[in-house]
C-alpha cells in the first residue's frame, strides 16, 4: 500500500529550497508514494517540473506580490487573511480542500511551514520538517521557536553547522536522534548538460577575469557589499569584471547602488535566468557574498562545473568546500570578501590549485544518495 504524504511549501518560485524539493519529487518512485503537494501560492518557475503523478493543490493563484501599490493591496490582503484563517483553524482546510484525506506523513518542505504542519488536526500522522536555511541567523527564529521543531518526528537539516546548533538546544538523546543531516539532492548531469548550451548575451569581451554570482536579489545575499568590494578592488588597481544573475525585491536598490558607484562598465546585473550555468562555466571564478545561508545549492553546482570558488563562512559552506579544500572560505565581512577576490586576481596559480583538487575529489551530494536517504527517513517513520 502506498504511503500517503502531504507536502507543504509556500510556492515553487526560483529559490534553492523549491528547486531541491522538485528535484527530490522527480526522482521518487511513482508506485511507492501518493503525494499531495499543497502550495500557499500557485506560482513559480518549477511548477512545470513537478511530476504528473504528484497532485498539486493551492490556496491562492497568481504571482507573489512584493509591493504596496494601491491596486494590489486588496488581493495581497485577501491572501494574508485567507492563509491566516486556515492556519488558525486548520480543520477548515483538512475538511474542505483536503477532503478529509488521512495522511501517513505530513512534510514541511521548508522550515517556514512548521506551524501549519504542527497544527494539523491529524495527530496520528508522522511529521517531518526540512530546515533549508540557517535559522539561527534569522531574527524571527528565537531559541524558543526553534525548540518547537523537536515536536516533529524527524528534523532534516542540510549542514553540519545546523545540526550542531540544534544539539545545543537539548541534551535529550531521543530528541537529538530526530536531527538528521541530509545533503540536498542535486542533479549533476542536468547541470552539466545545461552548462553546455550556447549563450549570446555574455556581457564581457575584455581580457580581465570575471567573477560571477547567482541568487535571489535580497539583503541576505550581500550584493550591496559585493559591489562595494568590487569598487574598492578596482580603485586599488585590481582589474576584473563582476556578473550578478538573479532577480528579487532588492534588485532596483542594488542596480541603483551599481550606478551610484559608477560601475556600469565592469559590473552587470542580468536579472533572472532559468539557466545560469553557461555563465558560470564561462566566468573565471564564482563568488558568494551571502550574509547567511542554509545549504547554498549554487555552490554545489559551481563545484560540479569545476569552478574556483570564494564563499563567505556561512552555514553549509564548510560542508560543501570540505573546510577549504575545494574552495576559498573567507570571513563573513566586506574585508573577507575583498581579500578572497584579491587573492584570486593576484595569485595566478591559486585558482588552478582548486580546479585540480575539485577534479580528483568525489563530491558527496550525489542525487541518488540524497534521495535514498530521505526515502529511508520517510519509510522508517
Protein backbone atom coordinates (compact mmCIF):
# COMPACT_ATOMS: atom_id res chain seq x y z
CA UNK A 1 0.00 0.00 0.00
CA UNK A 2 1.32 3.44 -0.95
CA UNK A 3 2.21 5.86 1.83
CA UNK A 4 0.00 8.94 1.70
CA UNK A 5 2.08 12.11 2.07
CA UNK A 6 1.10 15.77 2.35
CA UNK A 7 3.94 18.17 1.47
CA UNK A 8 3.58 21.89 2.18
CA UNK A 9 5.63 24.78 0.80
CA UNK A 10 4.90 28.45 0.05
CA UNK A 11 5.32 28.35 -3.73
CA UNK A 12 7.62 26.95 -6.39
CA UNK A 13 9.40 30.20 -7.18
CA UNK A 14 13.05 30.32 -8.30
CA UNK A 15 14.66 29.53 -4.94
CA UNK A 16 17.05 26.84 -3.79
CA UNK A 17 14.59 25.06 -1.46
CA UNK A 18 11.94 24.98 -4.17
CA UNK A 19 14.35 23.57 -6.74
CA UNK A 20 15.59 20.94 -4.31
CA UNK A 21 12.05 19.81 -3.49
CA UNK A 22 11.14 19.39 -7.16
CA UNK A 23 14.40 17.53 -7.86
CA UNK A 24 13.52 15.18 -4.99
CA UNK A 25 9.98 14.59 -6.30
CA UNK A 26 11.23 13.91 -9.83
CA UNK A 27 13.40 11.09 -8.52
CA UNK A 28 10.85 9.33 -6.30
CA UNK A 29 9.31 6.03 -7.42
CA UNK A 30 5.72 6.67 -8.51
CA UNK A 31 4.49 3.28 -7.32
CA UNK A 32 5.61 3.78 -3.71
CA UNK A 33 4.00 7.05 -2.58
CA UNK A 34 0.79 9.01 -3.04
CA UNK A 35 1.71 12.68 -2.72
CA UNK A 36 -0.38 15.82 -2.33
CA UNK A 37 1.73 18.95 -2.76
CA UNK A 38 -0.06 21.92 -1.18
CA UNK A 39 1.21 25.39 -2.15
CA UNK A 40 0.21 28.61 -0.43
CA UNK A 41 0.60 30.32 -3.80
CA UNK A 42 0.32 28.59 -7.17
CA UNK A 43 3.28 30.28 -8.84
CA UNK A 44 6.93 29.76 -9.70
CA UNK A 45 9.18 28.51 -12.47
CA UNK A 46 9.33 24.97 -11.07
CA UNK A 47 5.59 24.28 -11.40
CA UNK A 48 6.06 22.67 -14.81
CA UNK A 49 8.80 20.39 -13.44
CA UNK A 50 6.60 18.67 -10.85
CA UNK A 51 5.94 15.06 -11.93
CA UNK A 52 2.44 14.47 -13.31
CA UNK A 53 1.66 11.83 -10.69
CA UNK A 54 2.07 14.37 -7.85
CA UNK A 55 -1.26 16.06 -7.03
CA UNK A 56 -0.59 19.82 -6.88
CA UNK A 57 -3.04 21.86 -4.79
CA UNK A 58 -3.02 25.52 -3.75
CA UNK A 59 -4.61 28.13 -1.51
CA UNK A 60 -4.17 31.10 -3.88
CA UNK A 61 -3.21 31.66 -7.52
CA UNK A 62 -1.06 34.31 -9.16
CA UNK A 63 2.38 35.79 -8.80
CA UNK A 64 3.88 36.87 -5.49
CA UNK A 65 3.05 40.48 -4.58
CA UNK A 66 6.14 42.22 -3.19
CA UNK A 67 4.96 45.83 -3.45
CA UNK A 68 2.34 48.02 -1.77
CA UNK A 69 0.77 49.58 -4.85
CA UNK A 70 -2.82 50.60 -4.04
CA UNK A 71 -4.29 48.39 -6.78
CA UNK A 72 -2.53 45.29 -5.37
CA UNK A 73 -3.38 45.84 -1.70
CA UNK A 74 -6.86 44.18 -1.79
CA UNK A 75 -5.51 40.98 -3.35
CA UNK A 76 -2.49 40.94 -1.03
CA UNK A 77 -4.74 41.48 1.99
CA UNK A 78 -7.12 38.72 0.91
CA UNK A 79 -4.25 36.24 0.60
CA UNK A 80 -2.86 37.10 4.03
CA UNK A 81 -6.26 36.90 5.72
CA UNK A 82 -7.25 33.65 3.96
CA UNK A 83 -3.97 31.89 4.75
CA UNK A 84 -4.08 33.19 8.31
CA UNK A 85 -7.61 31.86 8.75
CA UNK A 86 -6.65 28.38 7.58
CA UNK A 87 -3.58 28.46 9.78
CA UNK A 88 -5.66 29.37 12.84
CA UNK A 89 -8.49 26.96 12.02
CA UNK A 90 -6.79 24.08 10.16
CA UNK A 91 -9.86 21.85 10.36
CA UNK A 92 -11.44 24.05 7.67
CA UNK A 93 -8.54 23.22 5.33
CA UNK A 94 -8.49 19.50 6.09
CA UNK A 95 -12.25 19.08 5.77
CA UNK A 96 -12.56 21.30 2.71
CA UNK A 97 -9.69 21.41 0.26
CA UNK A 98 -8.05 18.21 1.55
CA UNK A 99 -11.44 16.40 1.66
CA UNK A 100 -10.80 14.66 4.99
CA UNK A 101 -7.97 12.62 3.48
CA UNK A 102 -5.89 10.81 6.09
CA UNK A 103 -2.12 11.12 5.68
CA UNK A 104 0.67 8.86 6.91
CA UNK A 105 3.27 11.64 6.61
CA UNK A 106 2.95 15.43 6.78
CA UNK A 107 6.04 17.18 5.49
CA UNK A 108 7.07 20.83 5.91
CA UNK A 109 9.35 21.16 2.87
CA UNK A 110 10.74 24.41 4.24
CA UNK A 111 11.06 25.49 7.86
CA UNK A 112 8.66 28.41 7.38
CA UNK A 113 5.75 25.94 7.25
CA UNK A 114 6.43 24.47 10.70
CA UNK A 115 3.32 25.91 12.35
CA UNK A 116 0.99 24.71 9.61
CA UNK A 117 2.21 21.12 10.00
CA UNK A 118 2.34 21.13 13.80
CA UNK A 119 -1.22 22.49 13.95
CA UNK A 120 -2.54 19.69 11.76
CA UNK A 121 -5.67 18.08 13.21
CA UNK A 122 -4.29 14.70 12.15
CA UNK A 123 -2.49 13.72 15.33
CA UNK A 124 -1.57 10.23 14.14
CA UNK A 125 0.44 11.32 11.11
CA UNK A 126 4.23 11.36 11.32
CA UNK A 127 5.68 14.80 10.78
CA UNK A 128 8.89 15.89 9.04
CA UNK A 129 10.49 19.31 8.70
CA UNK A 130 13.19 20.22 6.18
CA UNK A 131 15.34 23.08 7.52
CA UNK A 132 16.64 24.79 4.39
CA UNK A 133 18.23 27.92 5.85
CA UNK A 134 20.44 28.98 8.74
CA UNK A 135 17.55 29.71 11.08
CA UNK A 136 19.99 30.62 13.85
CA UNK A 137 20.82 33.77 11.89
CA UNK A 138 17.19 34.76 11.31
CA UNK A 139 15.82 37.17 13.91
CA UNK A 140 12.31 35.71 13.81
CA UNK A 141 13.60 32.27 14.85
CA UNK A 142 14.34 32.57 18.55
CA UNK A 143 15.61 29.55 20.52
CA UNK A 144 12.09 29.17 21.94
CA UNK A 145 10.62 28.91 18.44
CA UNK A 146 13.33 26.55 17.16
CA UNK A 147 12.72 24.24 20.14
CA UNK A 148 9.22 23.69 18.75
CA UNK A 149 10.88 21.79 15.90
CA UNK A 150 11.53 18.95 18.33
CA UNK A 151 7.81 18.19 18.11
CA UNK A 152 8.50 16.82 14.62
CA UNK A 153 9.28 13.12 14.29
CA UNK A 154 12.22 13.92 12.01
CA UNK A 155 14.18 17.15 11.58
CA UNK A 156 16.14 17.17 8.32
CA UNK A 157 18.99 19.71 8.33
CA UNK A 158 21.22 20.48 5.39
CA UNK A 159 24.53 21.22 7.08
CA UNK A 160 26.61 20.02 9.98
CA UNK A 161 26.58 23.56 11.41
CA UNK A 162 22.79 23.44 11.70
CA UNK A 163 22.95 20.01 13.28
CA UNK A 164 25.43 21.18 15.92
CA UNK A 165 23.37 24.31 16.66
CA UNK A 166 20.26 22.16 17.12
CA UNK A 167 22.19 19.91 19.51
CA UNK A 168 22.88 22.91 21.73
CA UNK A 169 19.16 23.30 22.38
CA UNK A 170 18.68 19.92 24.03
CA UNK A 171 20.57 17.25 25.96
CA UNK A 172 17.79 14.72 25.38
CA UNK A 173 19.29 11.82 23.41
CA UNK A 174 15.95 10.82 21.87
CA UNK A 175 15.30 14.36 20.65
CA UNK A 176 18.80 14.62 19.21
CA UNK A 177 18.22 11.41 17.27
CA UNK A 178 15.44 13.17 15.38
CA UNK A 179 18.01 15.51 13.80
CA UNK A 180 19.37 14.08 10.56
CA UNK A 181 21.82 15.79 8.22
CA UNK A 182 20.87 15.24 4.59
CA UNK A 183 22.65 16.78 1.62
CA UNK A 184 20.26 18.46 -0.80
CA UNK A 185 19.70 16.30 -3.89
CA UNK A 186 21.40 17.84 -6.92
CA UNK A 187 21.17 16.53 -10.47
CA UNK A 188 24.78 16.82 -11.66
CA UNK A 189 24.08 15.53 -15.17
CA UNK A 190 21.34 18.11 -15.68
CA UNK A 191 23.70 20.89 -14.52
CA UNK A 192 26.45 19.76 -16.90
CA UNK A 193 24.02 19.45 -19.81
CA UNK A 194 22.58 22.93 -19.28
CA UNK A 195 26.07 24.45 -18.90
CA UNK A 196 26.94 23.34 -22.43
CA UNK A 197 24.09 25.30 -24.05
CA UNK A 198 25.12 28.32 -26.11
CA UNK A 199 24.59 31.89 -24.86
CA UNK A 200 24.72 35.08 -26.92
CA UNK A 201 24.50 37.77 -24.24
CA UNK A 202 27.69 37.25 -22.22
CA UNK A 203 28.47 40.88 -21.39
CA UNK A 204 32.26 40.96 -21.12
CA UNK A 205 34.72 40.79 -24.01
CA UNK A 206 37.81 42.26 -22.31
CA UNK A 207 40.85 40.41 -21.04
CA UNK A 208 40.10 40.84 -17.35
CA UNK A 209 38.97 37.94 -15.14
CA UNK A 210 35.26 37.71 -14.36
CA UNK A 211 33.58 36.81 -11.07
CA UNK A 212 30.02 35.50 -11.33
CA UNK A 213 27.37 35.12 -8.63
CA UNK A 214 23.82 33.75 -8.83
CA UNK A 215 20.93 34.16 -6.42
CA UNK A 216 17.69 35.88 -5.49
CA UNK A 217 18.44 39.58 -5.03
CA UNK A 218 17.67 40.40 -1.43
CA UNK A 219 19.81 41.55 1.53
CA UNK A 220 20.75 38.05 2.68
CA UNK A 221 22.85 37.61 -0.47
CA UNK A 222 25.10 40.58 0.32
CA UNK A 223 25.19 42.02 -3.20
CA UNK A 224 25.48 45.52 -1.74
CA UNK A 225 28.76 44.70 -0.06
CA UNK A 226 29.89 42.74 -3.12
CA UNK A 227 29.54 45.87 -5.25
CA UNK A 228 31.40 47.92 -2.64
CA UNK A 229 34.22 45.36 -2.64
CA UNK A 230 34.25 45.34 -6.45
CA UNK A 231 34.66 49.14 -6.42
CA UNK A 232 37.43 49.03 -3.81
CA UNK A 233 39.37 46.41 -5.77
CA UNK A 234 39.16 48.48 -8.94
CA UNK A 235 40.27 51.60 -7.08
CA UNK A 236 43.28 49.66 -5.77
CA UNK A 237 44.32 48.55 -9.26
CA UNK A 238 42.85 45.03 -9.38
CA UNK A 239 41.06 44.99 -12.72
CA UNK A 240 38.20 42.49 -13.07
CA UNK A 241 34.53 42.11 -14.02
CA UNK A 242 31.51 41.18 -11.90
CA UNK A 243 28.37 39.46 -13.17
CA UNK A 244 25.26 39.17 -10.96
CA UNK A 245 22.48 36.85 -12.13
CA UNK A 246 19.15 36.90 -10.32
CA UNK A 247 16.05 38.88 -9.50
CA UNK A 248 14.23 39.81 -6.31
CA UNK A 249 12.67 42.64 -4.36
CA UNK A 250 16.05 44.30 -3.75
CA UNK A 251 17.00 44.34 -7.45
CA UNK A 252 16.32 48.05 -8.02
CA UNK A 253 18.25 49.04 -4.89
CA UNK A 254 21.31 47.06 -5.98
CA UNK A 255 21.01 48.46 -9.51
CA UNK A 256 20.91 52.00 -8.11
CA UNK A 257 24.00 51.26 -5.99
CA UNK A 258 25.79 49.97 -9.10
CA UNK A 259 25.02 53.25 -10.89
CA UNK A 260 25.91 55.37 -7.86
CA UNK A 261 29.34 53.70 -7.68
CA UNK A 262 29.74 54.19 -11.45
CA UNK A 263 30.38 50.51 -12.07
CA UNK A 264 28.28 50.14 -15.24
CA UNK A 265 31.31 49.20 -17.35
CA UNK A 266 32.66 46.45 -15.09
CA UNK A 267 29.58 45.13 -13.24
CA UNK A 268 26.42 43.82 -14.88
CA UNK A 269 23.10 42.63 -13.48
CA UNK A 270 21.40 40.25 -15.89
CA UNK A 271 18.25 39.64 -13.87
CA UNK A 272 16.64 36.22 -13.56
CA UNK A 273 17.80 33.47 -15.91
CA UNK A 274 16.45 29.93 -15.64
CA UNK A 275 19.78 28.61 -16.92
CA UNK A 276 22.70 30.44 -15.29
CA UNK A 277 25.12 27.55 -15.79
CA UNK A 278 26.68 28.61 -19.13
CA UNK A 279 27.56 31.95 -17.50
CA UNK A 280 29.14 30.18 -14.52
CA UNK A 281 31.08 27.93 -16.89
CA UNK A 282 32.32 30.87 -18.97
CA UNK A 283 33.34 33.04 -15.98
CA UNK A 284 36.71 32.64 -14.29
CA UNK A 285 35.57 32.47 -10.66
CA UNK A 286 32.43 32.04 -8.60
CA UNK A 287 31.91 34.37 -5.63
CA UNK A 288 29.29 34.07 -2.89
CA UNK A 289 28.89 37.11 -0.64
CA UNK A 290 25.95 35.88 1.46
CA UNK A 291 25.39 37.10 4.99
CA UNK A 292 23.74 33.77 5.84
CA UNK A 293 22.60 30.63 4.04
CA UNK A 294 21.30 27.15 4.79
CA UNK A 295 22.77 24.99 2.06
CA UNK A 296 23.84 27.13 -0.91
CA UNK A 297 22.91 24.78 -3.74
CA UNK A 298 24.59 27.05 -6.27
CA UNK A 299 27.97 26.36 -4.62
CA UNK A 300 27.44 22.65 -5.17
CA UNK A 301 26.56 23.35 -8.80
CA UNK A 302 29.67 25.54 -9.24
CA UNK A 303 31.73 22.61 -7.93
CA UNK A 304 30.07 20.31 -10.46
CA UNK A 305 31.24 22.78 -13.12
CA UNK A 306 34.75 22.69 -11.61
CA UNK A 307 34.78 26.41 -10.92
CA UNK A 308 37.16 28.11 -8.43
CA UNK A 309 35.01 29.43 -5.57
CA UNK A 310 35.21 32.18 -2.97
CA UNK A 311 32.49 31.97 -0.33
CA UNK A 312 31.74 33.64 2.97
CA UNK A 313 31.86 31.39 6.02
CA UNK A 314 28.14 30.68 6.38
CA UNK A 315 26.14 27.53 7.04
CA UNK A 316 26.74 24.76 4.51
CA UNK A 317 29.89 26.22 3.01
CA UNK A 318 32.36 24.23 5.09
CA UNK A 319 30.48 21.02 4.27
CA UNK A 320 30.45 21.80 0.55
CA UNK A 321 34.01 23.11 0.28
CA UNK A 322 35.35 20.49 2.70
CA UNK A 323 36.74 23.05 5.16
CA UNK A 324 38.58 24.93 2.41
CA UNK A 325 40.00 22.01 0.47
CA UNK A 326 37.78 22.71 -2.57
CA UNK A 327 37.45 26.48 -2.39
CA UNK A 328 38.43 29.64 -0.55
CA UNK A 329 36.32 30.23 2.57
CA UNK A 330 36.58 33.83 3.73
CA UNK A 331 35.48 35.85 6.75
CA UNK A 332 31.82 36.86 6.57
CA UNK A 333 32.58 40.56 6.06
CA UNK A 334 33.48 43.13 3.40
CA UNK A 335 37.16 42.67 4.27
CA UNK A 336 36.88 38.90 3.96
CA UNK A 337 35.30 39.12 0.51
CA UNK A 338 37.88 41.71 -0.55
CA UNK A 339 40.84 39.55 0.49
CA UNK A 340 39.40 36.49 -1.19
CA UNK A 341 38.76 38.19 -4.52
CA UNK A 342 42.12 39.96 -4.38
CA UNK A 343 43.84 36.61 -3.81
CA UNK A 344 42.26 35.06 -6.90
CA UNK A 345 43.12 38.09 -9.04
CA UNK A 346 46.71 38.47 -7.86
CA UNK A 347 47.77 34.86 -7.22
CA UNK A 348 47.62 33.32 -10.67
CA UNK A 349 48.11 29.72 -9.55
CA UNK A 350 45.58 29.73 -6.68
CA UNK A 351 42.52 29.08 -8.81
CA UNK A 352 44.31 26.28 -10.68
CA UNK A 353 45.05 24.53 -7.38
CA UNK A 354 41.34 24.45 -6.54
CA UNK A 355 40.41 23.29 -10.05
CA UNK A 356 42.82 20.36 -9.73
CA UNK A 357 41.55 19.46 -6.25
CA UNK A 358 37.88 19.53 -7.34
CA UNK A 359 38.69 17.34 -10.35
CA UNK A 360 40.09 14.50 -8.21
CA UNK A 361 37.51 14.70 -5.40
CA UNK A 362 34.33 12.63 -5.28
CA UNK A 363 31.62 15.13 -4.35
CA UNK A 364 29.28 13.90 -1.57
CA UNK A 365 25.98 15.46 -2.68
CA UNK A 366 25.05 12.78 -5.20
CA UNK A 367 21.45 12.76 -6.31
CA UNK A 368 20.74 9.09 -5.63
CA UNK A 369 22.37 9.13 -2.19
CA UNK A 370 20.32 12.11 -1.03
CA UNK A 371 17.02 10.81 -2.42
CA UNK A 372 17.63 7.37 -0.88
CA UNK A 373 18.42 8.97 2.47
CA UNK A 374 15.16 10.96 2.52
CA UNK A 375 13.17 7.90 1.43
CA UNK A 376 14.74 5.96 4.27
CA UNK A 377 13.58 8.61 6.75
CA UNK A 378 10.04 8.51 5.34
CA UNK A 379 9.86 4.72 5.22
CA UNK A 380 11.13 4.24 8.79
CA UNK A 381 8.69 6.63 10.48
